[in-house]
N, C-alpha and C. Protein backbone atom coordinates (compact mmCIF):
# COMPACT_ATOMS: atom_id res chain seq x y z
N MET A 1 80.90 95.05 97.64
CA MET A 1 82.11 95.19 96.85
C MET A 1 82.77 96.54 97.17
N PRO A 2 84.06 96.54 97.44
CA PRO A 2 84.71 97.79 97.80
C PRO A 2 84.75 98.79 96.65
N VAL A 3 84.78 100.07 97.02
CA VAL A 3 84.92 101.15 96.06
C VAL A 3 86.42 101.47 95.98
N TYR A 4 86.98 101.28 94.79
CA TYR A 4 88.40 101.53 94.57
C TYR A 4 88.63 102.91 93.97
N TYR A 5 89.88 103.30 93.90
CA TYR A 5 90.30 104.58 93.33
C TYR A 5 89.65 104.81 91.97
N GLU A 6 89.65 103.80 91.14
CA GLU A 6 89.12 103.95 89.78
C GLU A 6 87.60 104.17 89.76
N ASP A 7 86.92 103.80 90.82
CA ASP A 7 85.46 103.92 90.88
C ASP A 7 85.00 105.32 91.28
N VAL A 8 85.92 106.16 91.71
CA VAL A 8 85.59 107.48 92.21
C VAL A 8 85.88 108.51 91.13
N GLY A 9 84.93 109.41 90.90
CA GLY A 9 85.11 110.44 89.88
C GLY A 9 85.16 111.83 90.48
N VAL A 10 85.99 112.68 89.87
CA VAL A 10 86.03 114.08 90.27
C VAL A 10 84.63 114.67 90.06
N GLY A 11 84.14 115.36 91.06
CA GLY A 11 82.79 115.93 91.01
C GLY A 11 81.74 115.07 91.67
N ASP A 12 82.07 113.82 92.00
CA ASP A 12 81.12 112.96 92.72
C ASP A 12 80.76 113.62 94.05
N VAL A 13 79.47 113.57 94.39
CA VAL A 13 78.99 114.14 95.65
C VAL A 13 78.13 113.09 96.34
N GLU A 14 78.39 112.91 97.63
CA GLU A 14 77.56 112.03 98.46
C GLU A 14 77.12 112.83 99.68
N THR A 15 75.90 112.54 100.14
CA THR A 15 75.40 113.17 101.35
C THR A 15 74.94 112.10 102.32
N HIS A 16 75.01 112.45 103.60
CA HIS A 16 74.59 111.50 104.63
C HIS A 16 74.25 112.27 105.90
N GLY A 17 73.33 111.76 106.67
CA GLY A 17 72.94 112.34 107.95
C GLY A 17 71.95 111.37 108.54
N ASP A 18 71.44 111.57 109.55
CA ASP A 18 71.25 112.62 110.48
C ASP A 18 71.86 112.19 111.81
N TYR A 19 72.79 112.99 112.30
CA TYR A 19 73.45 112.71 113.57
C TYR A 19 72.89 113.66 114.61
N GLU A 20 72.26 113.11 115.64
CA GLU A 20 71.67 113.90 116.72
C GLU A 20 72.73 114.17 117.78
N VAL A 21 73.01 115.42 118.03
CA VAL A 21 73.99 115.82 119.04
C VAL A 21 73.28 115.92 120.39
N THR A 22 73.81 115.21 121.37
CA THR A 22 73.18 115.24 122.70
C THR A 22 74.01 116.09 123.66
N ARG A 23 73.35 116.64 124.64
CA ARG A 23 74.00 117.43 125.69
C ARG A 23 75.02 116.58 126.43
N GLU A 24 74.64 115.35 126.75
CA GLU A 24 75.53 114.47 127.48
C GLU A 24 76.81 114.19 126.70
N GLU A 25 76.67 113.98 125.41
CA GLU A 25 77.83 113.71 124.56
C GLU A 25 78.75 114.93 124.49
N VAL A 26 78.16 116.11 124.32
CA VAL A 26 78.94 117.35 124.25
C VAL A 26 79.76 117.53 125.53
N LEU A 27 79.10 117.38 126.68
CA LEU A 27 79.77 117.58 127.96
C LEU A 27 80.83 116.51 128.20
N SER A 28 80.51 115.26 127.89
CA SER A 28 81.44 114.15 128.12
C SER A 28 82.70 114.30 127.26
N PHE A 29 82.52 114.59 125.97
CA PHE A 29 83.67 114.77 125.09
C PHE A 29 84.55 115.91 125.60
N ALA A 30 83.91 117.02 125.93
CA ALA A 30 84.66 118.19 126.36
C ALA A 30 85.41 117.94 127.67
N GLU A 31 84.75 117.29 128.62
CA GLU A 31 85.42 116.99 129.89
C GLU A 31 86.68 116.17 129.66
N ARG A 32 86.60 115.27 128.70
CA ARG A 32 87.74 114.38 128.46
C ARG A 32 88.82 115.00 127.59
N TYR A 33 88.43 115.75 126.54
CA TYR A 33 89.40 116.17 125.53
C TYR A 33 89.57 117.68 125.35
N ASP A 34 88.60 118.49 125.74
CA ASP A 34 88.69 119.94 125.51
C ASP A 34 87.96 120.66 126.64
N PRO A 35 88.50 120.58 127.86
CA PRO A 35 87.76 121.05 129.04
C PRO A 35 87.76 122.57 129.23
N GLN A 36 87.44 123.29 128.18
CA GLN A 36 87.25 124.73 128.31
C GLN A 36 85.82 124.98 128.82
N TRP A 37 85.65 125.98 129.64
CA TRP A 37 84.39 126.21 130.35
C TRP A 37 83.17 126.36 129.44
N PHE A 38 83.35 126.93 128.25
CA PHE A 38 82.19 127.10 127.36
C PHE A 38 81.77 125.80 126.69
N HIS A 39 82.56 124.73 126.91
CA HIS A 39 82.19 123.38 126.47
C HIS A 39 81.68 122.53 127.64
N THR A 40 82.06 122.88 128.86
CA THR A 40 81.80 121.99 130.00
C THR A 40 80.86 122.53 131.06
N ASP A 41 80.61 123.83 131.07
CA ASP A 41 79.81 124.45 132.14
C ASP A 41 78.58 125.13 131.53
N PRO A 42 77.47 124.40 131.39
CA PRO A 42 76.29 124.96 130.74
C PRO A 42 75.75 126.22 131.41
N ASP A 43 75.79 126.29 132.73
CA ASP A 43 75.26 127.46 133.43
C ASP A 43 76.10 128.70 133.15
N ARG A 44 77.39 128.56 133.32
CA ARG A 44 78.29 129.70 133.07
C ARG A 44 78.29 130.08 131.59
N ALA A 45 78.28 129.07 130.71
CA ALA A 45 78.29 129.34 129.27
C ALA A 45 77.04 130.10 128.85
N ALA A 46 75.91 129.77 129.44
CA ALA A 46 74.66 130.45 129.11
C ALA A 46 74.70 131.92 129.54
N GLU A 47 75.36 132.18 130.65
CA GLU A 47 75.40 133.54 131.21
C GLU A 47 76.55 134.38 130.66
N GLU A 48 77.72 133.77 130.49
CA GLU A 48 78.93 134.56 130.23
C GLU A 48 79.51 134.43 128.82
N SER A 49 79.19 133.38 128.11
CA SER A 49 79.85 133.18 126.81
C SER A 49 79.12 133.95 125.71
N PRO A 50 79.82 134.26 124.65
CA PRO A 50 79.16 134.91 123.51
C PRO A 50 78.23 133.96 122.75
N TYR A 51 78.23 132.68 123.13
CA TYR A 51 77.43 131.67 122.43
C TYR A 51 76.05 131.49 123.04
N GLY A 52 75.83 132.02 124.24
CA GLY A 52 74.53 131.90 124.89
C GLY A 52 74.21 130.51 125.38
N GLY A 53 75.22 129.70 125.58
CA GLY A 53 75.03 128.34 126.06
C GLY A 53 76.22 127.48 125.70
N VAL A 54 76.20 126.26 126.19
CA VAL A 54 77.31 125.34 125.94
C VAL A 54 77.32 124.97 124.45
N ILE A 55 78.53 124.85 123.91
CA ILE A 55 78.70 124.43 122.51
C ILE A 55 79.66 123.25 122.47
N ALA A 56 79.56 122.47 121.41
CA ALA A 56 80.47 121.34 121.22
C ALA A 56 81.86 121.84 120.89
N SER A 57 82.85 121.12 121.37
CA SER A 57 84.23 121.38 120.98
C SER A 57 84.35 121.22 119.46
N GLY A 58 85.19 122.04 118.87
CA GLY A 58 85.43 121.87 117.43
C GLY A 58 85.97 120.49 117.10
N TRP A 59 86.77 119.95 118.01
CA TRP A 59 87.32 118.61 117.79
C TRP A 59 86.21 117.55 117.87
N HIS A 60 85.22 117.80 118.69
CA HIS A 60 84.07 116.90 118.75
C HIS A 60 83.30 116.99 117.44
N THR A 61 83.13 118.20 116.93
CA THR A 61 82.47 118.37 115.63
C THR A 61 83.23 117.62 114.54
N ALA A 62 84.55 117.70 114.58
CA ALA A 62 85.36 116.95 113.61
C ALA A 62 85.15 115.45 113.77
N ALA A 63 85.07 114.97 115.01
CA ALA A 63 84.86 113.54 115.25
C ALA A 63 83.47 113.09 114.77
N MET A 64 82.45 113.90 115.03
CA MET A 64 81.10 113.55 114.55
C MET A 64 81.07 113.55 113.03
N THR A 65 81.77 114.50 112.42
CA THR A 65 81.88 114.54 110.96
C THR A 65 82.55 113.28 110.44
N MET A 66 83.61 112.86 111.12
CA MET A 66 84.31 111.64 110.70
C MET A 66 83.39 110.44 110.76
N ARG A 67 82.59 110.36 111.81
CA ARG A 67 81.64 109.25 111.94
C ARG A 67 80.68 109.22 110.74
N LEU A 68 80.14 110.39 110.39
CA LEU A 68 79.23 110.47 109.25
C LEU A 68 79.96 110.15 107.94
N LEU A 69 81.20 110.59 107.83
CA LEU A 69 81.98 110.32 106.62
C LEU A 69 82.24 108.83 106.45
N VAL A 70 82.55 108.15 107.53
CA VAL A 70 82.74 106.69 107.45
C VAL A 70 81.43 106.03 107.03
N GLU A 71 80.32 106.41 107.65
CA GLU A 71 79.03 105.82 107.30
C GLU A 71 78.64 106.12 105.86
N CYS A 72 78.96 107.30 105.38
CA CYS A 72 78.55 107.75 104.04
C CYS A 72 79.42 107.14 102.95
N THR A 73 80.73 107.17 103.15
CA THR A 73 81.66 106.90 102.06
C THR A 73 82.71 105.84 102.40
N LEU A 74 83.38 106.02 103.50
CA LEU A 74 84.60 105.25 103.74
C LEU A 74 84.38 103.81 104.15
N ALA A 75 83.23 103.48 104.73
CA ALA A 75 82.99 102.09 105.16
C ALA A 75 83.03 101.11 104.00
N ASP A 76 82.62 101.56 102.82
CA ASP A 76 82.59 100.69 101.63
C ASP A 76 83.77 100.94 100.69
N ALA A 77 84.70 101.78 101.12
CA ALA A 77 85.81 102.15 100.25
C ALA A 77 87.07 101.35 100.58
N ALA A 78 87.87 101.15 99.57
CA ALA A 78 89.16 100.47 99.73
C ALA A 78 90.20 101.52 100.12
N THR A 79 90.01 102.10 101.30
CA THR A 79 90.93 103.13 101.77
C THR A 79 91.97 102.52 102.70
N VAL A 80 93.11 103.17 102.76
CA VAL A 80 94.19 102.73 103.64
C VAL A 80 94.71 103.90 104.47
N GLY A 81 93.79 104.79 104.86
CA GLY A 81 94.15 105.93 105.70
C GLY A 81 94.17 107.22 104.91
N ALA A 82 94.67 108.23 105.58
CA ALA A 82 94.72 109.56 104.98
C ALA A 82 96.07 110.20 105.24
N LYS A 83 96.41 111.14 104.39
CA LYS A 83 97.66 111.88 104.55
C LYS A 83 97.45 113.18 105.32
N GLY A 84 96.21 113.44 105.70
CA GLY A 84 95.92 114.64 106.47
C GLY A 84 94.72 115.36 105.93
N VAL A 85 94.47 116.53 106.51
CA VAL A 85 93.38 117.38 106.06
C VAL A 85 93.91 118.79 105.83
N ASP A 86 93.27 119.49 104.92
CA ASP A 86 93.59 120.88 104.63
C ASP A 86 92.34 121.72 104.89
N GLU A 87 92.56 122.98 105.12
CA GLU A 87 91.47 123.94 105.25
C GLU A 87 90.41 123.53 106.27
N LEU A 88 90.86 123.04 107.41
CA LEU A 88 89.96 122.66 108.50
C LEU A 88 89.35 123.93 109.08
N ARG A 89 88.00 124.00 109.09
CA ARG A 89 87.32 125.21 109.54
C ARG A 89 86.12 124.87 110.41
N TRP A 90 85.99 125.59 111.52
CA TRP A 90 84.79 125.55 112.36
C TRP A 90 84.07 126.86 112.11
N LEU A 91 82.91 126.79 111.50
CA LEU A 91 82.25 128.00 111.00
C LEU A 91 81.10 128.50 111.87
N VAL A 92 80.35 127.58 112.42
CA VAL A 92 79.20 127.91 113.27
C VAL A 92 79.22 126.93 114.44
N PRO A 93 79.00 127.41 115.67
CA PRO A 93 79.01 126.49 116.81
C PRO A 93 77.95 125.40 116.69
N VAL A 94 78.32 124.20 117.11
CA VAL A 94 77.39 123.08 117.19
C VAL A 94 76.88 123.01 118.62
N ARG A 95 75.57 122.82 118.73
CA ARG A 95 74.92 122.85 120.03
C ARG A 95 74.20 121.53 120.30
N PRO A 96 74.00 121.24 121.59
CA PRO A 96 73.15 120.09 121.89
C PRO A 96 71.80 120.24 121.19
N ARG A 97 71.29 119.14 120.71
CA ARG A 97 70.03 119.04 119.98
C ARG A 97 70.15 119.39 118.49
N ASP A 98 71.34 119.80 118.03
CA ASP A 98 71.53 119.97 116.59
C ASP A 98 71.48 118.60 115.92
N THR A 99 71.05 118.59 114.69
CA THR A 99 71.09 117.40 113.86
C THR A 99 72.05 117.69 112.71
N LEU A 100 73.09 116.87 112.60
CA LEU A 100 74.13 117.10 111.62
C LEU A 100 73.99 116.17 110.43
N ARG A 101 74.41 116.67 109.27
CA ARG A 101 74.53 115.86 108.06
C ARG A 101 75.76 116.36 107.31
N ILE A 102 76.27 115.52 106.42
CA ILE A 102 77.46 115.92 105.66
C ILE A 102 77.21 115.83 104.17
N GLU A 103 78.07 116.55 103.46
CA GLU A 103 78.17 116.46 102.00
C GLU A 103 79.65 116.28 101.70
N ASN A 104 79.97 115.28 100.90
CA ASN A 104 81.36 114.98 100.55
C ASN A 104 81.51 115.07 99.04
N GLU A 105 82.37 115.98 98.58
CA GLU A 105 82.56 116.22 97.15
C GLU A 105 84.00 115.95 96.75
N VAL A 106 84.20 115.10 95.75
CA VAL A 106 85.54 114.78 95.25
C VAL A 106 86.04 115.95 94.42
N LEU A 107 87.20 116.47 94.82
CA LEU A 107 87.79 117.62 94.13
C LEU A 107 88.87 117.23 93.13
N GLU A 108 89.73 116.28 93.53
CA GLU A 108 90.88 115.90 92.70
C GLU A 108 91.23 114.44 92.94
N LYS A 109 91.90 113.87 91.93
CA LYS A 109 92.46 112.52 92.05
C LYS A 109 93.89 112.55 91.54
N GLU A 110 94.75 111.74 92.18
CA GLU A 110 96.12 111.60 91.73
C GLU A 110 96.55 110.16 91.91
N ALA A 111 96.94 109.51 90.81
CA ALA A 111 97.44 108.14 90.88
C ALA A 111 98.89 108.22 91.34
N GLU A 112 99.10 108.02 92.64
CA GLU A 112 100.43 108.20 93.22
C GLU A 112 101.38 107.04 92.95
N ARG A 113 100.85 105.83 93.03
CA ARG A 113 101.66 104.62 92.88
C ARG A 113 100.81 103.59 92.14
N PRO A 114 101.43 102.51 91.67
CA PRO A 114 100.63 101.48 90.99
C PRO A 114 99.55 100.86 91.87
N ASP A 115 99.79 100.84 93.19
CA ASP A 115 98.83 100.17 94.07
C ASP A 115 97.86 101.12 94.78
N ARG A 116 98.07 102.44 94.65
CA ARG A 116 97.15 103.36 95.33
C ARG A 116 97.16 104.74 94.70
N GLY A 117 96.05 105.45 95.00
CA GLY A 117 95.92 106.82 94.54
C GLY A 117 95.41 107.70 95.68
N LEU A 118 95.54 108.99 95.48
CA LEU A 118 95.10 109.97 96.47
C LEU A 118 93.85 110.67 95.97
N ILE A 119 92.86 110.76 96.82
CA ILE A 119 91.63 111.46 96.49
C ILE A 119 91.47 112.61 97.48
N ARG A 120 91.34 113.80 96.93
CA ARG A 120 91.09 114.99 97.75
C ARG A 120 89.60 115.30 97.66
N ALA A 121 88.96 115.39 98.82
CA ALA A 121 87.52 115.63 98.85
C ALA A 121 87.18 116.66 99.93
N ARG A 122 86.27 117.55 99.58
CA ARG A 122 85.78 118.54 100.55
C ARG A 122 84.58 117.95 101.27
N THR A 123 84.67 117.94 102.58
CA THR A 123 83.55 117.50 103.41
C THR A 123 83.02 118.72 104.15
N ARG A 124 81.71 118.93 104.02
CA ARG A 124 81.05 120.01 104.74
C ARG A 124 79.98 119.40 105.63
N THR A 125 79.89 119.92 106.85
CA THR A 125 78.90 119.47 107.81
C THR A 125 77.88 120.59 108.00
N PHE A 126 76.61 120.21 108.00
CA PHE A 126 75.51 121.16 108.11
C PHE A 126 74.68 120.85 109.36
N ASN A 127 74.10 121.88 109.95
CA ASN A 127 73.14 121.67 111.03
C ASN A 127 71.73 121.63 110.46
N GLY A 128 70.73 121.51 111.30
CA GLY A 128 69.35 121.40 110.87
C GLY A 128 68.81 122.64 110.19
N ASP A 129 69.49 123.77 110.34
CA ASP A 129 69.11 125.02 109.67
C ASP A 129 69.85 125.21 108.36
N ASP A 130 70.54 124.16 107.90
CA ASP A 130 71.34 124.17 106.67
C ASP A 130 72.51 125.15 106.71
N GLU A 131 72.98 125.47 107.91
CA GLU A 131 74.18 126.27 108.05
C GLU A 131 75.39 125.35 107.99
N THR A 132 76.43 125.76 107.29
CA THR A 132 77.67 125.00 107.29
C THR A 132 78.37 125.26 108.62
N VAL A 133 78.53 124.19 109.41
CA VAL A 133 79.15 124.34 110.73
C VAL A 133 80.62 123.95 110.72
N PHE A 134 81.03 123.18 109.71
CA PHE A 134 82.39 122.63 109.68
C PHE A 134 82.73 122.31 108.24
N SER A 135 84.00 122.46 107.88
CA SER A 135 84.45 122.01 106.56
C SER A 135 85.93 121.62 106.62
N MET A 136 86.29 120.75 105.73
CA MET A 136 87.69 120.32 105.61
C MET A 136 87.89 119.70 104.24
N ILE A 137 89.14 119.61 103.83
CA ILE A 137 89.49 118.87 102.63
C ILE A 137 90.36 117.72 103.09
N GLY A 138 89.87 116.50 102.87
CA GLY A 138 90.60 115.30 103.25
C GLY A 138 91.45 114.79 102.11
N ASN A 139 92.61 114.24 102.44
CA ASN A 139 93.54 113.65 101.47
C ASN A 139 93.61 112.16 101.77
N VAL A 140 92.74 111.40 101.11
CA VAL A 140 92.52 110.00 101.46
C VAL A 140 93.19 109.08 100.43
N MET A 141 93.89 108.08 100.94
CA MET A 141 94.55 107.11 100.07
C MET A 141 93.60 105.94 99.79
N TYR A 142 93.38 105.68 98.53
CA TYR A 142 92.53 104.57 98.07
C TYR A 142 93.39 103.55 97.35
N LEU A 143 93.09 102.28 97.59
CA LEU A 143 93.75 101.22 96.82
C LEU A 143 93.27 101.28 95.37
N ARG A 144 94.17 100.92 94.48
CA ARG A 144 93.82 100.82 93.06
C ARG A 144 93.48 99.35 92.77
N ARG A 145 92.60 99.17 91.83
CA ARG A 145 92.17 97.83 91.44
C ARG A 145 93.33 97.12 90.74
N ASP A 146 93.52 95.86 91.06
CA ASP A 146 94.53 95.04 90.41
C ASP A 146 94.05 94.71 89.01
N ASP A 147 94.77 95.19 88.01
CA ASP A 147 94.37 94.98 86.61
C ASP A 147 94.87 93.66 86.04
N GLU A 148 95.24 92.77 86.86
CA GLU A 148 95.75 91.44 86.50
C GLU A 148 97.04 91.57 85.74
């Protein structure tokens, strides 16, 4: 049964994980979408970058977060897209072999129209050391239940 706007409460928190980040995935994503050397050249990145090795693109981290968010919350929700994100932050580099998990907390609700409402939720992504590596506030549109 889908989760509608009315089923979500301010303060609700959901967690989900574990996403294993692979070296191949990091390199492949970066080659295609963010081909900066510290994402694509492990040898040079290990020697010359301040990160001491190749790191995932921030956009890849956002994509992995989205995958976890869909699995955690959105797959069962009556959502019809989003109006955007606020406060998008990359806080700690994500590396191959990291294991990611998310926490999604509902911050606000607004009944925008009779057929839908807006839910603002903070999503934080953590690595295996419990460091926050990524955060954002999503503005997601949820269908409202038909009250007959």
